[in-house]
Amino acid sequence: MLSKVPPGLPGDLLEAVNRVPALSAPEALLRLAPPDIGGVRAWRAAAGRALEDAREAGAIDDAALAAIRVGVDSVEALLASCCWTDDGRAGWLPSPAEQDALADASARLAPGRDGLFTRYYGDFEGRPVEAYCPGAPVARGIFEAARHFLEARVPWSASACPGAGTTVP
């Protein structure tokens, strides 16, 4: 196996993300979201606040914050490509077609040869030759929470109760 990433990076990243539980908890993200914006921008603001809260609490350091933000940036780009009518206004909701796009992206994030994070080149001496992103499990978790965050605002979806605006474990 060949790797372009430093030894230990995937494990360190997973460990750091686990110290920011709000990133994978749509209910916590809903409480952290500013009320005056909507859609992907609201999710990004909530994710940013969760990261800053974790850093201020000493749960992650600046290096972990920077590494996690790379994943948040990637998820934000994927969300924006699925939510083409999102104008950032409070109350924006994904259309049924956008919900389908989010579901399709979610399915393509799953592990395997057809995933967005894996490239299969063929077999060599009976073994698969693949390239994959070592941060894929992190991005999957962040994306799923973001998707549920966006869909929780849809009237026919389950919605979260308003909170005090603090990060919850």
Protein backbone atom coordinates (compact mmCIF):
# COMPACT_ATOMS: atom_id res chain seq x y z
CA MET A 1 0.00 0.00 0.00
CA LEU A 2 1.28 3.44 -0.93
CA SER A 3 0.12 6.56 0.80
CA LYS A 4 0.54 10.26 0.16
CA VAL A 5 -0.59 11.25 3.65
CA PRO A 6 1.58 11.37 6.76
CA PRO A 7 1.43 8.28 8.99
CA GLY A 8 -1.35 8.51 11.56
CA LEU A 9 -3.24 11.35 9.86
CA PRO A 10 -6.50 9.48 9.19
CA GLY A 11 -6.67 8.19 12.77
CA ASP A 12 -5.73 11.57 14.24
CA LEU A 13 -8.39 13.27 12.13
CA LEU A 14 -11.09 10.80 13.17
CA GLU A 15 -10.12 11.25 16.79
CA ALA A 16 -10.23 15.05 16.47
CA VAL A 17 -13.67 14.99 14.81
CA ASN A 18 -14.94 12.74 17.58
CA ARG A 19 -14.00 15.51 20.03
CA VAL A 20 -16.45 17.81 18.18
CA PRO A 21 -19.64 15.76 18.52
CA ALA A 22 -21.87 18.61 17.32
CA LEU A 23 -20.54 18.12 13.76
CA SER A 24 -22.34 14.80 13.55
CA ALA A 25 -25.44 15.83 15.52
CA PRO A 26 -28.04 17.63 13.38
CA GLU A 27 -29.99 18.67 16.49
CA ALA A 28 -26.93 20.41 17.93
CA LEU A 29 -26.21 22.08 14.60
CA LEU A 30 -29.79 23.35 14.44
CA ARG A 31 -29.34 24.96 17.85
CA LEU A 32 -26.04 26.55 16.78
CA ALA A 33 -27.36 27.94 13.48
CA PRO A 34 -27.99 31.67 13.26
CA PRO A 35 -31.72 32.36 12.85
CA ASP A 36 -31.31 35.03 10.17
CA ILE A 37 -29.80 32.84 7.43
CA GLY A 38 -30.78 29.53 5.91
CA GLY A 39 -29.60 26.56 3.94
CA VAL A 40 -25.97 25.67 3.43
CA ARG A 41 -24.81 29.01 4.85
CA ALA A 42 -26.67 28.33 8.08
CA TRP A 43 -25.12 24.84 8.29
CA ARG A 44 -21.64 26.27 7.62
CA ALA A 45 -22.10 28.90 10.33
CA ALA A 46 -23.27 26.23 12.79
CA ALA A 47 -20.36 23.91 11.91
CA GLY A 48 -17.94 26.81 12.29
CA ARG A 49 -19.37 27.67 15.67
CA ALA A 50 -19.12 24.03 16.80
CA LEU A 51 -15.44 24.00 15.79
CA GLU A 52 -14.69 27.29 17.54
CA ASP A 53 -16.53 26.14 20.68
CA ALA A 54 -14.47 22.94 20.69
CA ARG A 55 -11.23 24.88 20.25
CA GLU A 56 -12.11 27.34 23.01
CA ALA A 57 -13.00 24.43 25.31
CA GLY A 58 -9.62 22.82 24.59
CA ALA A 59 -11.14 19.77 22.87
CA ILE A 60 -9.13 20.45 19.69
CA ASP A 61 -6.04 22.48 18.91
CA ASP A 62 -5.41 24.80 15.95
CA ALA A 63 -3.92 22.00 13.81
CA ALA A 64 -6.99 19.80 14.35
CA LEU A 65 -9.26 22.76 13.65
CA ALA A 66 -7.51 23.39 10.33
CA ALA A 67 -7.65 19.71 9.34
CA ILE A 68 -11.34 19.40 10.15
CA ARG A 69 -12.12 22.62 8.26
CA VAL A 70 -10.77 20.99 5.09
CA GLY A 71 -13.49 18.36 5.42
CA VAL A 72 -16.11 20.99 6.24
CA ASP A 73 -15.08 22.94 3.12
CA SER A 74 -15.46 19.81 0.98
CA VAL A 75 -18.86 19.01 2.44
CA GLU A 76 -19.98 22.61 1.92
CA ALA A 77 -19.05 22.42 -1.78
CA LEU A 78 -20.96 19.15 -2.18
CA LEU A 79 -24.01 20.56 -0.37
CA ALA A 80 -23.96 23.69 -2.54
CA SER A 81 -23.91 21.56 -5.69
CA CYS A 82 -27.00 19.68 -4.46
CA CYS A 83 -28.88 22.76 -3.25
CA TRP A 84 -28.89 24.94 -6.34
CA THR A 85 -31.83 27.14 -5.27
CA ASP A 86 -30.27 27.96 -1.90
CA ASP A 87 -29.97 31.72 -1.64
CA GLY A 88 -29.07 31.83 2.05
CA ARG A 89 -32.35 33.38 3.13
CA ALA A 90 -33.83 32.34 6.44
CA GLY A 91 -36.55 29.80 5.79
CA TRP A 92 -34.99 28.39 2.62
CA LEU A 93 -35.84 24.71 2.20
CA PRO A 94 -34.47 22.15 -0.24
CA SER A 95 -36.93 21.30 -3.01
CA PRO A 96 -37.89 17.67 -3.62
CA ALA A 97 -35.37 17.57 -6.50
CA GLU A 98 -32.66 18.94 -4.21
CA GLN A 99 -33.57 16.35 -1.58
CA ASP A 100 -33.13 13.70 -4.27
CA ALA A 101 -29.73 15.18 -5.13
CA LEU A 102 -28.74 15.08 -1.45
CA ALA A 103 -29.85 11.43 -1.25
CA ASP A 104 -27.88 10.61 -4.40
CA ALA A 105 -24.76 12.31 -3.04
CA SER A 106 -25.20 10.43 0.23
CA ALA A 107 -25.36 7.12 -1.65
CA ARG A 108 -22.25 8.01 -3.66
CA LEU A 109 -20.36 8.80 -0.44
CA ALA A 110 -20.78 5.21 0.73
CA PRO A 111 -17.62 3.12 0.80
CA GLY A 112 -16.92 1.09 -2.30
CA ARG A 113 -15.73 1.27 -5.85
CA ASP A 114 -18.52 3.54 -7.04
CA GLY A 115 -18.01 6.06 -4.25
CA LEU A 116 -16.93 9.65 -4.62
CA PHE A 117 -13.90 8.95 -2.44
CA THR A 118 -12.59 5.87 -4.22
CA ARG A 119 -11.08 5.43 -7.64
CA TYR A 120 -10.70 1.87 -8.89
CA TYR A 121 -7.99 1.41 -11.52
CA GLY A 122 -8.33 -2.31 -12.12
CA ASP A 123 -6.61 -5.40 -10.80
CA PHE A 124 -2.92 -6.15 -10.61
CA GLU A 125 -1.84 -9.69 -9.89
CA GLY A 126 -5.34 -10.52 -8.70
CA ARG A 127 -5.62 -7.58 -6.29
CA PRO A 128 -7.61 -4.37 -6.74
CA VAL A 129 -5.69 -1.19 -7.35
CA GLU A 130 -7.57 1.69 -5.74
CA ALA A 131 -6.96 5.20 -4.57
CA TYR A 132 -9.11 6.58 -1.81
CA CYS A 133 -9.31 9.58 0.46
CA PRO A 134 -8.25 8.67 4.00
CA GLY A 135 -10.57 11.34 5.38
CA ALA A 136 -13.62 9.80 3.72
CA PRO A 137 -15.20 8.48 6.95
CA VAL A 138 -14.99 12.00 8.41
CA ALA A 139 -16.58 13.60 5.35
CA ARG A 140 -19.34 10.98 5.29
CA GLY A 141 -20.31 11.70 8.89
CA ILE A 142 -20.20 15.46 8.43
CA PHE A 143 -22.23 15.24 5.20
CA GLU A 144 -24.93 13.06 6.74
CA ALA A 145 -25.35 15.45 9.67
CA ALA A 146 -25.47 18.40 7.26
CA ARG A 147 -28.06 16.66 5.10
CA HIS A 148 -30.26 15.96 8.11
CA PHE A 149 -29.74 19.56 9.26
CA LEU A 150 -31.06 20.84 5.92
CA GLU A 151 -33.92 18.36 5.76
CA ALA A 152 -34.95 18.96 9.40
CA ARG A 153 -36.08 22.40 8.33
CA VAL A 154 -38.48 20.92 5.76
CA PRO A 155 -42.03 21.02 7.17
CA TRP A 156 -42.77 17.36 6.44
CA SER A 157 -39.51 16.18 8.06
CA ALA A 158 -38.85 15.67 11.73
CA SER A 159 -37.75 18.96 13.26
CA ALA A 160 -35.55 19.74 16.21
CA CYS A 161 -36.63 21.68 19.23
CA PRO A 162 -35.05 25.08 19.63
CA GLY A 163 -32.19 25.07 22.11
CA ALA A 164 -30.16 27.54 24.04
CA GLY A 165 -27.65 27.89 21.19
CA THR A 166 -24.90 25.94 22.88
CA THR A 167 -22.91 22.96 21.70
CA VAL A 168 -24.26 19.72 23.09
CA PRO A 169 -22.19 16.56 23.37
